Amino acid sequence: MSKAEILAQLPKLSAQDRGEILEQLWRLEEAAGPTENEKALLNEAQTAYEANPNAGAPWSEVEARLRKRS
């Protein structure tokens, strides 16, 4: 079955079936680990944090700002 065929079938599935597929996809992604590009981004973020740990904001503040936007 081609990727196009799989994607065409997804809307026809029940919410439960789509949820199971989504869980399986996440398990596969977690098992694969980060890509080289993702590792580079994480390293850059870590370096920036170490250079200035007070530049960021706690998650609670970030979440509150995001919720105000929507």
PDB file of N, CA and C in Angstrom:
ATOM      1  N   MET A   1       0.852  -1.176   0.000  1.00  0.00           N
ATOM      2  CA  MET A   1       0.000   0.000   0.000  1.00  0.00           C
ATOM      3  C   MET A   1       0.900   1.241   0.000  1.00  0.00           C
ATOM      4  N   SER A   2       0.603   2.175  -0.856  1.00  0.00           N
ATOM      5  CA  SER A   2       1.417   3.380  -0.949  1.00  0.00           C
ATOM      6  C   SER A   2       1.071   4.370   0.160  1.00  0.00           C
ATOM      7  N   LYS A   3       1.960   5.316   0.353  1.00  0.00           N
ATOM      8  CA  LYS A   3       1.709   6.356   1.355  1.00  0.00           C
ATOM      9  C   LYS A   3       0.433   7.116   1.023  1.00  0.00           C
ATOM     10  N   ALA A   4       0.229   7.420  -0.245  1.00  0.00           N
ATOM     11  CA  ALA A   4      -0.975   8.140  -0.672  1.00  0.00           C
ATOM     12  C   ALA A   4      -2.235   7.341  -0.329  1.00  0.00           C
ATOM     13  N   GLU A   5      -2.182   6.046  -0.526  1.00  0.00           N
ATOM     14  CA  GLU A   5      -3.334   5.195  -0.203  1.00  0.00           C
ATOM     15  C   GLU A   5      -3.594   5.170   1.297  1.00  0.00           C
ATOM     16  N   ILE A   6      -2.538   5.085   2.063  1.00  0.00           N
ATOM     17  CA  ILE A   6      -2.684   5.089   3.530  1.00  0.00           C
ATOM     18  C   ILE A   6      -3.298   6.405   3.983  1.00  0.00           C
ATOM     19  N   LEU A   7      -2.772   7.520   3.484  1.00  0.00           N
ATOM     20  CA  LEU A   7      -3.291   8.830   3.874  1.00  0.00           C
ATOM     21  C   LEU A   7      -4.753   8.999   3.471  1.00  0.00           C
ATOM     22  N   ALA A   8      -5.139   8.445   2.334  1.00  0.00           N
ATOM     23  CA  ALA A   8      -6.526   8.533   1.882  1.00  0.00           C
ATOM     24  C   ALA A   8      -7.465   7.736   2.780  1.00  0.00           C
ATOM     25  N   GLN A   9      -6.958   6.681   3.416  1.00  0.00           N
ATOM     26  CA  GLN A   9      -7.785   5.836   4.264  1.00  0.00           C
ATOM     27  C   GLN A   9      -7.947   6.396   5.690  1.00  0.00           C
ATOM     28  N   LEU A  10      -7.027   7.216   6.124  1.00  0.00           N
ATOM     29  CA  LEU A  10      -7.069   7.719   7.507  1.00  0.00           C
ATOM     30  C   LEU A  10      -8.382   8.396   7.881  1.00  0.00           C
ATOM     31  N   PRO A  11      -8.935   9.282   7.051  1.00  0.00           N
ATOM     32  CA  PRO A  11     -10.198   9.931   7.438  1.00  0.00           C
ATOM     33  C   PRO A  11     -11.370   8.957   7.569  1.00  0.00           C
ATOM     34  N   LYS A  12     -11.245   7.801   6.978  1.00  0.00           N
ATOM     35  CA  LYS A  12     -12.327   6.815   7.029  1.00  0.00           C
ATOM     36  C   LYS A  12     -12.311   5.999   8.317  1.00  0.00           C
ATOM     37  N   LEU A  13     -11.240   6.089   9.079  1.00  0.00           N
ATOM     38  CA  LEU A  13     -11.101   5.306  10.306  1.00  0.00           C
ATOM     39  C   LEU A  13     -11.833   5.967  11.464  1.00  0.00           C
ATOM     40  N   SER A  14     -12.153   5.163  12.450  1.00  0.00           N
ATOM     41  CA  SER A  14     -12.779   5.703  13.660  1.00  0.00           C
ATOM     42  C   SER A  14     -11.746   6.500  14.456  1.00  0.00           C
ATOM     43  N   ALA A  15     -12.238   7.336  15.345  1.00  0.00           N
ATOM     44  CA  ALA A  15     -11.344   8.123  16.193  1.00  0.00           C
ATOM     45  C   ALA A  15     -10.445   7.200  17.015  1.00  0.00           C
ATOM     46  N   GLN A  16     -10.991   6.094  17.489  1.00  0.00           N
ATOM     47  CA  GLN A  16     -10.194   5.148  18.276  1.00  0.00           C
ATOM     48  C   GLN A  16      -9.071   4.549  17.431  1.00  0.00           C
ATOM     49  N   ASP A  17      -9.381   4.157  16.210  1.00  0.00           N
ATOM     50  CA  ASP A  17      -8.359   3.587  15.337  1.00  0.00           C
ATOM     51  C   ASP A  17      -7.280   4.614  15.012  1.00  0.00           C
ATOM     52  N   ARG A  18      -7.688   5.845  14.734  1.00  0.00           N
ATOM     53  CA  ARG A  18      -6.696   6.890  14.454  1.00  0.00           C
ATOM     54  C   ARG A  18      -5.825   7.139  15.680  1.00  0.00           C
ATOM     55  N   GLY A  19      -6.429   7.092  16.860  1.00  0.00           N
ATOM     56  CA  GLY A  19      -5.658   7.265  18.088  1.00  0.00           C
ATOM     57  C   GLY A  19      -4.621   6.172  18.269  1.00  0.00           C
ATOM     58  N   GLU A  20      -4.997   4.945  17.970  1.00  0.00           N
ATOM     59  CA  GLU A  20      -4.059   3.832  18.073  1.00  0.00           C
ATOM     60  C   GLU A  20      -2.908   3.999  17.087  1.00  0.00           C
ATOM     61  N   ILE A  21      -3.233   4.440  15.892  1.00  0.00           N
ATOM     62  CA  ILE A  21      -2.194   4.672  14.883  1.00  0.00           C
ATOM     63  C   ILE A  21      -1.260   5.782  15.344  1.00  0.00           C
ATOM     64  N   LEU A  22      -1.834   6.844  15.869  1.00  0.00           N
ATOM     65  CA  LEU A  22      -1.024   7.955  16.362  1.00  0.00           C
ATOM     66  C   LEU A  22      -0.085   7.501  17.481  1.00  0.00           C
ATOM     67  N   GLU A  23      -0.593   6.705  18.413  1.00  0.00           N
ATOM     68  CA  GLU A  23       0.254   6.187  19.493  1.00  0.00           C
ATOM     69  C   GLU A  23       1.399   5.355  18.944  1.00  0.00           C
ATOM     70  N   GLN A  24       1.106   4.519  17.961  1.00  0.00           N
ATOM     71  CA  GLN A  24       2.150   3.682  17.362  1.00  0.00           C
ATOM     72  C   GLN A  24       3.192   4.543  16.661  1.00  0.00           C
ATOM     73  N   LEU A  25       2.745   5.576  15.946  1.00  0.00           N
ATOM     74  CA  LEU A  25       3.687   6.472  15.282  1.00  0.00           C
ATOM     75  C   LEU A  25       4.590   7.164  16.296  1.00  0.00           C
ATOM     76  N   TRP A  26       4.026   7.617  17.420  1.00  0.00           N
ATOM     77  CA  TRP A  26       4.842   8.265  18.447  1.00  0.00           C
ATOM     78  C   TRP A  26       5.857   7.290  19.033  1.00  0.00           C
ATOM     79  N   ARG A  27       5.443   6.031  19.241  1.00  0.00           N
ATOM     80  CA  ARG A  27       6.384   5.029  19.759  1.00  0.00           C
ATOM     81  C   ARG A  27       7.543   4.830  18.784  1.00  0.00           C
ATOM     82  N   LEU A  28       7.230   4.780  17.503  1.00  0.00           N
ATOM     83  CA  LEU A  28       8.280   4.619  16.495  1.00  0.00           C
ATOM     84  C   LEU A  28       9.219   5.816  16.485  1.00  0.00           C
ATOM     85  N   GLU A  29       8.670   7.025  16.585  1.00  0.00           N
ATOM     86  CA  GLU A  29       9.491   8.239  16.611  1.00  0.00           C
ATOM     87  C   GLU A  29      10.375   8.278  17.844  1.00  0.00           C
ATOM     88  N   GLU A  30       9.815   7.926  18.999  1.00  0.00           N
ATOM     89  CA  GLU A  30      10.603   7.929  20.241  1.00  0.00           C
ATOM     90  C   GLU A  30      11.727   6.911  20.172  1.00  0.00           C
ATOM     91  N   ALA A  31      11.447   5.747  19.581  1.00  0.00           N
ATOM     92  CA  ALA A  31      12.466   4.705  19.471  1.00  0.00           C
ATOM     93  C   ALA A  31      13.593   5.138  18.531  1.00  0.00           C
ATOM     94  N   ALA A  32      13.251   5.925  17.517  1.00  0.00           N
ATOM     95  CA  ALA A  32      14.261   6.372  16.556  1.00  0.00           C
ATOM     96  C   ALA A  32      15.174   7.429  17.167  1.00  0.00           C
ATOM     97  N   GLY A  33      14.667   8.172  18.132  1.00  0.00           N
ATOM     98  CA  GLY A  33      15.470   9.220  18.754  1.00  0.00           C
ATOM     99  C   GLY A  33      15.536  10.456  17.876  1.00  0.00           C
ATOM    100  N   PRO A  34      16.213  11.480  18.362  1.00  0.00           N
ATOM    101  CA  PRO A  34      16.288  12.725  17.599  1.00  0.00           C
ATOM    102  C   PRO A  34      17.157  12.580  16.351  1.00  0.00           C
ATOM    103  N   THR A  35      16.804  13.348  15.331  1.00  0.00           N
ATOM    104  CA  THR A  35      17.607  13.374  14.110  1.00  0.00           C
ATOM    105  C   THR A  35      18.865  14.205  14.370  1.00  0.00           C
ATOM    106  N   GLU A  36      19.786  14.183  13.437  1.00  0.00           N
ATOM    107  CA  GLU A  36      21.002  14.987  13.589  1.00  0.00           C
ATOM    108  C   GLU A  36      20.659  16.471  13.652  1.00  0.00           C
ATOM    109  N   ASN A  37      19.679  16.908  12.849  1.00  0.00           N
ATOM    110  CA  ASN A  37      19.255  18.305  12.880  1.00  0.00           C
ATOM    111  C   ASN A  37      18.645  18.651  14.241  1.00  0.00           C
ATOM    112  N   GLU A  38      17.816  17.767  14.774  1.00  0.00           N
ATOM    113  CA  GLU A  38      17.216  18.006  16.095  1.00  0.00           C
ATOM    114  C   GLU A  38      18.288  18.049  17.185  1.00  0.00           C
ATOM    115  N   LYS A  39      19.293  17.173  17.079  1.00  0.00           N
ATOM    116  CA  LYS A  39      20.390  17.191  18.049  1.00  0.00           C
ATOM    117  C   LYS A  39      21.131  18.522  18.001  1.00  0.00           C
ATOM    118  N   ALA A  40      21.370  19.030  16.790  1.00  0.00           N
ATOM    119  CA  ALA A  40      22.057  20.313  16.645  1.00  0.00           C
ATOM    120  C   ALA A  40      21.238  21.431  17.265  1.00  0.00           C
ATOM    121  N   LEU A  41      19.925  21.420  17.048  1.00  0.00           N
ATOM    122  CA  LEU A  41      19.055  22.439  17.638  1.00  0.00           C
ATOM    123  C   LEU A  41      19.059  22.358  19.161  1.00  0.00           C
ATOM    124  N   LEU A  42      19.019  21.152  19.683  1.00  0.00           N
ATOM    125  CA  LEU A  42      19.060  20.971  21.140  1.00  0.00           C
ATOM    126  C   LEU A  42      20.380  21.457  21.720  1.00  0.00           C
ATOM    127  N   ASN A  43      21.473  21.164  21.019  1.00  0.00           N
ATOM    128  CA  ASN A  43      22.786  21.629  21.488  1.00  0.00           C
ATOM    129  C   ASN A  43      22.871  23.145  21.467  1.00  0.00           C
ATOM    130  N   GLU A  44      22.329  23.777  20.416  1.00  0.00           N
ATOM    131  CA  GLU A  44      22.306  25.236  20.351  1.00  0.00           C
ATOM    132  C   GLU A  44      21.497  25.826  21.496  1.00  0.00           C
ATOM    133  N   ALA A  45      20.356  25.234  21.769  1.00  0.00           N
ATOM    134  CA  ALA A  45      19.510  25.721  22.857  1.00  0.00           C
ATOM    135  C   ALA A  45      20.218  25.555  24.201  1.00  0.00           C
ATOM    136  N   GLN A  46      20.880  24.435  24.394  1.00  0.00           N
ATOM    137  CA  GLN A  46      21.605  24.203  25.644  1.00  0.00           C
ATOM    138  C   GLN A  46      22.731  25.217  25.810  1.00  0.00           C
ATOM    139  N   THR A  47      23.466  25.471  24.739  1.00  0.00           N
ATOM    140  CA  THR A  47      24.557  26.445  24.778  1.00  0.00           C
ATOM    141  C   THR A  47      24.027  27.836  25.103  1.00  0.00           C
ATOM    142  N   ALA A  48      22.916  28.223  24.470  1.00  0.00           N
ATOM    143  CA  ALA A  48      22.316  29.536  24.739  1.00  0.00           C
ATOM    144  C   ALA A  48      21.862  29.637  26.187  1.00  0.00           C
ATOM    145  N   TYR A  49      21.275  28.563  26.704  1.00  0.00           N
ATOM    146  CA  TYR A  49      20.828  28.563  28.100  1.00  0.00           C
ATOM    147  C   TYR A  49      22.016  28.702  29.048  1.00  0.00           C
ATOM    148  N   GLU A  50      23.060  27.945  28.792  1.00  0.00           N
ATOM    149  CA  GLU A  50      24.234  27.997  29.662  1.00  0.00           C
ATOM    150  C   GLU A  50      24.889  29.374  29.636  1.00  0.00           C
ATOM    151  N   ALA A  51      24.840  30.058  28.489  1.00  0.00           N
ATOM    152  CA  ALA A  51      25.411  31.394  28.378  1.00  0.00           C
ATOM    153  C   ALA A  51      24.576  32.430  29.133  1.00  0.00           C
ATOM    154  N   ASN A  52      23.261  32.220  29.186  1.00  0.00           N
ATOM    155  CA  ASN A  52      22.387  33.179  29.852  1.00  0.00           C
ATOM    156  C   ASN A  52      21.145  32.465  30.386  1.00  0.00           C
ATOM    157  N   PRO A  53      21.261  31.799  31.537  1.00  0.00           N
ATOM    158  CA  PRO A  53      20.135  31.009  32.055  1.00  0.00           C
ATOM    159  C   PRO A  53      18.921  31.837  32.461  1.00  0.00           C
ATOM    160  N   ASN A  54      19.084  33.128  32.649  1.00  0.00           N
ATOM    161  CA  ASN A  54      17.949  33.961  33.050  1.00  0.00           C
ATOM    162  C   ASN A  54      17.203  34.551  31.863  1.00  0.00           C
ATOM    163  N   ALA A  55      17.627  34.271  30.649  1.00  0.00           N
ATOM    164  CA  ALA A  55      16.984  34.830  29.458  1.00  0.00           C
ATOM    165  C   ALA A  55      15.632  34.180  29.180  1.00  0.00           C
ATOM    166  N   GLY A  56      15.432  32.984  29.633  1.00  0.00           N
ATOM    167  CA  GLY A  56      14.190  32.272  29.370  1.00  0.00           C
ATOM    168  C   GLY A  56      13.107  32.604  30.371  1.00  0.00           C
ATOM    169  N   ALA A  57      11.982  31.938  30.220  1.00  0.00           N
ATOM    170  CA  ALA A  57      10.854  32.124  31.129  1.00  0.00           C
ATOM    171  C   ALA A  57      10.356  30.756  31.567  1.00  0.00           C
ATOM    172  N   PRO A  58       9.816  30.670  32.770  1.00  0.00           N
ATOM    173  CA  PRO A  58       9.252  29.395  33.220  1.00  0.00           C
ATOM    174  C   PRO A  58       8.074  28.980  32.324  1.00  0.00           C
ATOM    175  N   TRP A  59       7.864  27.689  32.230  1.00  0.00           N
ATOM    176  CA  TRP A  59       6.793  27.172  31.386  1.00  0.00           C
ATOM    177  C   TRP A  59       5.452  27.791  31.759  1.00  0.00           C
ATOM    178  N   SER A  60       5.179  27.990  33.018  1.00  0.00           N
ATOM    179  CA  SER A  60       3.883  28.544  33.424  1.00  0.00           C
ATOM    180  C   SER A  60       3.648  29.916  32.795  1.00  0.00           C
ATOM    181  N   GLU A  61       4.690  30.741  32.688  1.00  0.00           N
ATOM    182  CA  GLU A  61       4.555  32.060  32.061  1.00  0.00           C
ATOM    183  C   GLU A  61       4.356  31.932  30.550  1.00  0.00           C
ATOM    184  N   VAL A  62       5.117  31.058  29.939  1.00  0.00           N
ATOM    185  CA  VAL A  62       4.992  30.851  28.491  1.00  0.00           C
ATOM    186  C   VAL A  62       3.592  30.344  28.166  1.00  0.00           C
ATOM    187  N   GLU A  63       3.123  29.379  28.923  1.00  0.00           N
ATOM    188  CA  GLU A  63       1.796  28.818  28.698  1.00  0.00           C
ATOM    189  C   GLU A  63       0.723  29.886  28.856  1.00  0.00           C
ATOM    190  N   ALA A  64       0.847  30.732  29.879  1.00  0.00           N
ATOM    191  CA  ALA A  64      -0.138  31.795  30.098  1.00  0.00           C
ATOM    192  C   ALA A  64      -0.160  32.757  28.913  1.00  0.00           C
ATOM    193  N   ARG A  65       0.997  33.112  28.388  1.00  0.00           N
ATOM    194  CA  ARG A  65       1.052  34.019  27.215  1.00  0.00           C
ATOM    195  C   ARG A  65       0.398  33.355  26.001  1.00  0.00           C
ATOM    196  N   LEU A  66       0.664  32.081  25.793  1.00  0.00           N
ATOM    197  CA  LEU A  66       0.078  31.370  24.664  1.00  0.00           C
ATOM    198  C   LEU A  66      -1.439  31.287  24.774  1.00  0.00           C
ATOM    199  N   ARG A  67      -1.921  31.059  25.983  1.00  0.00           N
ATOM    200  CA  ARG A  67      -3.373  30.956  26.185  1.00  0.00           C
ATOM    201  C   ARG A  67      -4.064  32.297  25.944  1.00  0.00           C
ATOM    202  N   LYS A  68      -3.394  33.392  26.237  1.00  0.00           N
ATOM    203  CA  LYS A  68      -3.972  34.723  26.001  1.00  0.00           C
ATOM    204  C   LYS A  68      -4.124  34.992  24.516  1.00  0.00           C
ATOM    205  N   ARG A  69      -3.254  34.402  23.689  1.00  0.00           N
ATOM    206  CA  ARG A  69      -3.300  34.615  22.246  1.00  0.00           C
ATOM    207  C   ARG A  69      -4.533  33.991  21.618  1.00  0.00           C
ATOM    208  N   SER A  70      -4.974  32.869  22.153  1.00  0.00           N
ATOM    209  CA  SER A  70      -6.072  32.146  21.491  1.00  0.00           C
ATOM    210  C   SER A  70      -7.426  32.519  22.014  1.00  0.00           C
TER     211      SER A  70
END
